[in-house]
Amino acid sequence: MKFTWDTIKQQVSTTMPARGFQLWINPIRFVEQKGKQVVLGCPNRFSKSWVEENYLDLIHEPVQGPGSPGGGFGLQGRAA
């Protein structure tokens, strides 16, 4: 599944400014897959909140696309 997340990140990088991608999306890591649910990890709670508020749709679309588990995803943020 990590390969799939790397592929999704690459797709997302083409739809947004490079600076925003490097700051907010690139640090997100694949954590685990629970059935069809993918869990992604943000560096901290602030990052998680920002991504949810500003970039959720950009991530959601390719996660639901062909070759993906199709069950959605969740974000978690590490405690600062």
N, C-alpha and C. Protein backbone atom coordinates (compact mmCIF):
# COMPACT_ATOMS: atom_id res chain seq x y z
N MET A 1 0.82 -1.21 0.00
CA MET A 1 0.00 0.00 0.00
C MET A 1 0.85 1.26 0.00
N LYS A 2 2.06 1.20 0.56
CA LYS A 2 2.93 2.38 0.57
C LYS A 2 3.16 2.88 -0.84
N PHE A 3 3.39 1.95 -1.78
CA PHE A 3 3.58 2.35 -3.17
C PHE A 3 2.37 3.13 -3.67
N THR A 4 1.20 2.69 -3.32
CA THR A 4 -0.02 3.38 -3.74
C THR A 4 -0.06 4.79 -3.16
N TRP A 5 0.28 4.96 -1.89
CA TRP A 5 0.28 6.31 -1.29
C TRP A 5 1.31 7.19 -1.97
N ASP A 6 2.48 6.67 -2.28
CA ASP A 6 3.48 7.45 -2.99
C ASP A 6 2.96 7.87 -4.36
N THR A 7 2.24 6.99 -5.03
CA THR A 7 1.65 7.30 -6.33
C THR A 7 0.59 8.39 -6.19
N ILE A 8 -0.23 8.28 -5.16
CA ILE A 8 -1.27 9.28 -4.91
C ILE A 8 -0.63 10.63 -4.61
N LYS A 9 0.43 10.64 -3.81
CA LYS A 9 1.11 11.91 -3.52
C LYS A 9 1.64 12.54 -4.80
N GLN A 10 2.16 11.72 -5.68
CA GLN A 10 2.68 12.23 -6.94
C GLN A 10 1.54 12.86 -7.77
N GLN A 11 0.39 12.21 -7.79
CA GLN A 11 -0.77 12.76 -8.51
C GLN A 11 -1.20 14.09 -7.90
N VAL A 12 -1.26 14.14 -6.57
CA VAL A 12 -1.69 15.36 -5.89
C VAL A 12 -0.70 16.49 -6.17
N SER A 13 0.58 16.18 -6.26
CA SER A 13 1.60 17.21 -6.49
C SER A 13 1.39 17.95 -7.80
N THR A 14 0.72 17.33 -8.76
CA THR A 14 0.49 17.99 -10.05
C THR A 14 -0.71 18.93 -10.01
N THR A 15 -1.46 18.92 -8.92
CA THR A 15 -2.68 19.72 -8.85
C THR A 15 -2.58 20.90 -7.89
N MET A 16 -1.39 21.14 -7.34
CA MET A 16 -1.26 22.23 -6.38
C MET A 16 0.14 22.84 -6.47
N PRO A 17 0.32 24.04 -5.92
CA PRO A 17 1.65 24.66 -5.96
C PRO A 17 2.69 23.81 -5.22
N ALA A 18 3.91 23.80 -5.74
CA ALA A 18 4.99 22.98 -5.19
C ALA A 18 5.25 23.30 -3.72
N ARG A 19 5.23 24.57 -3.37
CA ARG A 19 5.52 24.96 -1.98
C ARG A 19 4.48 24.38 -1.01
N GLY A 20 3.21 24.47 -1.38
CA GLY A 20 2.15 23.92 -0.55
C GLY A 20 2.26 22.41 -0.45
N PHE A 21 2.59 21.77 -1.55
CA PHE A 21 2.75 20.32 -1.53
C PHE A 21 3.88 19.91 -0.58
N GLN A 22 5.02 20.55 -0.70
CA GLN A 22 6.16 20.21 0.14
C GLN A 22 5.88 20.45 1.62
N LEU A 23 5.14 21.49 1.90
CA LEU A 23 4.86 21.86 3.29
C LEU A 23 3.78 20.98 3.93
N TRP A 24 2.70 20.68 3.18
CA TRP A 24 1.55 20.03 3.79
C TRP A 24 1.31 18.58 3.40
N ILE A 25 1.56 18.21 2.15
CA ILE A 25 1.22 16.87 1.68
C ILE A 25 2.41 15.92 1.76
N ASN A 26 3.56 16.37 1.33
CA ASN A 26 4.72 15.47 1.28
C ASN A 26 5.07 14.85 2.64
N PRO A 27 4.92 15.57 3.76
CA PRO A 27 5.25 14.96 5.06
C PRO A 27 4.27 13.87 5.52
N ILE A 28 3.12 13.75 4.88
CA ILE A 28 2.14 12.74 5.28
C ILE A 28 2.67 11.36 4.92
N ARG A 29 2.56 10.43 5.85
CA ARG A 29 3.08 9.07 5.65
C ARG A 29 1.96 8.04 5.77
N PHE A 30 2.13 6.96 5.04
CA PHE A 30 1.23 5.82 5.17
C PHE A 30 1.48 5.18 6.53
N VAL A 31 0.43 4.91 7.29
CA VAL A 31 0.55 4.29 8.61
C VAL A 31 0.13 2.83 8.53
N GLU A 32 -1.10 2.59 8.07
CA GLU A 32 -1.60 1.23 7.98
C GLU A 32 -2.86 1.19 7.13
N GLN A 33 -3.25 -0.03 6.81
CA GLN A 33 -4.51 -0.24 6.12
C GLN A 33 -5.35 -1.18 6.98
N LYS A 34 -6.57 -0.74 7.29
CA LYS A 34 -7.51 -1.54 8.06
C LYS A 34 -8.66 -1.89 7.14
N GLY A 35 -8.61 -3.09 6.57
CA GLY A 35 -9.60 -3.46 5.57
C GLY A 35 -9.45 -2.56 4.37
N LYS A 36 -10.51 -1.82 4.04
CA LYS A 36 -10.44 -0.88 2.92
C LYS A 36 -10.10 0.53 3.36
N GLN A 37 -9.97 0.75 4.66
CA GLN A 37 -9.65 2.07 5.21
C GLN A 37 -8.14 2.26 5.29
N VAL A 38 -7.65 3.32 4.69
CA VAL A 38 -6.24 3.66 4.74
C VAL A 38 -6.03 4.71 5.82
N VAL A 39 -5.03 4.52 6.67
CA VAL A 39 -4.71 5.47 7.72
C VAL A 39 -3.40 6.17 7.33
N LEU A 40 -3.47 7.50 7.27
CA LEU A 40 -2.31 8.31 6.92
C LEU A 40 -1.92 9.13 8.14
N GLY A 41 -0.62 9.35 8.31
CA GLY A 41 -0.14 10.07 9.47
C GLY A 41 0.47 11.42 9.12
N CYS A 42 0.00 12.45 9.81
CA CYS A 42 0.55 13.80 9.68
C CYS A 42 1.59 14.00 10.78
N PRO A 43 2.53 14.92 10.56
CA PRO A 43 3.58 15.13 11.55
C PRO A 43 3.09 15.59 12.93
N ASN A 44 1.96 16.32 12.96
CA ASN A 44 1.43 16.82 14.23
C ASN A 44 -0.05 17.14 14.07
N ARG A 45 -0.68 17.53 15.15
CA ARG A 45 -2.12 17.80 15.12
C ARG A 45 -2.47 19.03 14.28
N PHE A 46 -1.61 20.04 14.33
CA PHE A 46 -1.86 21.24 13.53
C PHE A 46 -1.85 20.90 12.05
N SER A 47 -0.85 20.14 11.63
CA SER A 47 -0.75 19.71 10.23
C SER A 47 -1.99 18.92 9.83
N LYS A 48 -2.42 18.01 10.68
CA LYS A 48 -3.61 17.21 10.41
C LYS A 48 -4.82 18.11 10.20
N SER A 49 -5.01 19.06 11.09
CA SER A 49 -6.14 19.98 11.00
C SER A 49 -6.08 20.80 9.72
N TRP A 50 -4.90 21.31 9.39
CA TRP A 50 -4.74 22.14 8.19
C TRP A 50 -5.05 21.33 6.92
N VAL A 51 -4.54 20.12 6.86
CA VAL A 51 -4.77 19.27 5.70
C VAL A 51 -6.25 18.94 5.58
N GLU A 52 -6.90 18.63 6.68
CA GLU A 52 -8.34 18.33 6.66
C GLU A 52 -9.15 19.52 6.15
N GLU A 53 -8.77 20.72 6.58
CA GLU A 53 -9.52 21.92 6.21
C GLU A 53 -9.24 22.39 4.79
N ASN A 54 -8.04 22.12 4.28
CA ASN A 54 -7.64 22.73 3.01
C ASN A 54 -7.35 21.77 1.86
N TYR A 55 -7.00 20.54 2.16
CA TYR A 55 -6.56 19.63 1.10
C TYR A 55 -7.26 18.28 1.09
N LEU A 56 -8.26 18.12 1.90
CA LEU A 56 -8.93 16.82 2.01
C LEU A 56 -9.47 16.33 0.67
N ASP A 57 -10.10 17.21 -0.09
CA ASP A 57 -10.66 16.79 -1.38
C ASP A 57 -9.57 16.38 -2.37
N LEU A 58 -8.42 17.06 -2.33
CA LEU A 58 -7.33 16.70 -3.23
C LEU A 58 -6.81 15.30 -2.96
N ILE A 59 -6.83 14.88 -1.70
CA ILE A 59 -6.37 13.54 -1.34
C ILE A 59 -7.48 12.52 -1.57
N HIS A 60 -8.69 12.91 -1.23
CA HIS A 60 -9.82 11.97 -1.29
C HIS A 60 -10.05 11.43 -2.70
N GLU A 61 -9.99 12.30 -3.70
CA GLU A 61 -10.29 11.88 -5.07
C GLU A 61 -9.37 10.74 -5.54
N PRO A 62 -8.05 10.86 -5.47
CA PRO A 62 -7.21 9.74 -5.93
C PRO A 62 -7.27 8.52 -5.01
N VAL A 63 -7.56 8.69 -3.73
CA VAL A 63 -7.67 7.54 -2.83
C VAL A 63 -8.85 6.67 -3.26
N GLN A 64 -9.88 7.28 -3.81
CA GLN A 64 -11.05 6.55 -4.26
C GLN A 64 -10.90 6.02 -5.69
N GLY A 65 -9.83 6.40 -6.38
CA GLY A 65 -9.67 6.06 -7.79
C GLY A 65 -9.24 4.63 -8.05
N PRO A 66 -9.04 4.29 -9.34
CA PRO A 66 -8.63 2.94 -9.73
C PRO A 66 -7.31 2.53 -9.07
N GLY A 67 -7.22 1.29 -8.64
CA GLY A 67 -6.02 0.77 -8.02
C GLY A 67 -5.90 1.09 -6.54
N SER A 68 -6.87 1.81 -6.01
CA SER A 68 -6.85 2.13 -4.59
C SER A 68 -7.79 1.18 -3.86
N PRO A 69 -7.70 1.14 -2.52
CA PRO A 69 -8.58 0.24 -1.78
C PRO A 69 -10.05 0.63 -1.89
N GLY A 70 -10.33 1.90 -2.20
CA GLY A 70 -11.70 2.33 -2.43
C GLY A 70 -12.54 2.51 -1.19
N GLY A 71 -11.99 2.38 -0.02
CA GLY A 71 -12.77 2.48 1.20
C GLY A 71 -12.59 3.77 1.95
N GLY A 72 -11.80 4.67 1.45
CA GLY A 72 -11.59 5.93 2.13
C GLY A 72 -10.31 5.94 2.94
N PHE A 73 -10.16 7.01 3.69
CA PHE A 73 -8.93 7.15 4.47
C PHE A 73 -9.21 7.99 5.71
N GLY A 74 -8.30 7.89 6.65
CA GLY A 74 -8.35 8.71 7.84
C GLY A 74 -7.00 9.31 8.08
N LEU A 75 -6.97 10.46 8.71
CA LEU A 75 -5.72 11.12 9.06
C LEU A 75 -5.52 11.07 10.56
N GLN A 76 -4.31 10.90 10.97
CA GLN A 76 -3.99 11.00 12.40
C GLN A 76 -2.79 11.92 12.54
N GLY A 77 -2.75 12.64 13.62
CA GLY A 77 -1.64 13.55 13.88
C GLY A 77 -0.92 13.14 15.15
N ARG A 78 0.39 13.15 15.09
CA ARG A 78 1.16 12.82 16.30
C ARG A 78 1.08 13.98 17.29
N ALA A 79 1.12 13.64 18.53
CA ALA A 79 1.12 14.68 19.57
C ALA A 79 2.39 15.49 19.46
N ALA A 80 2.26 16.80 19.59
CA ALA A 80 3.42 17.68 19.48
C ALA A 80 4.26 17.62 20.72
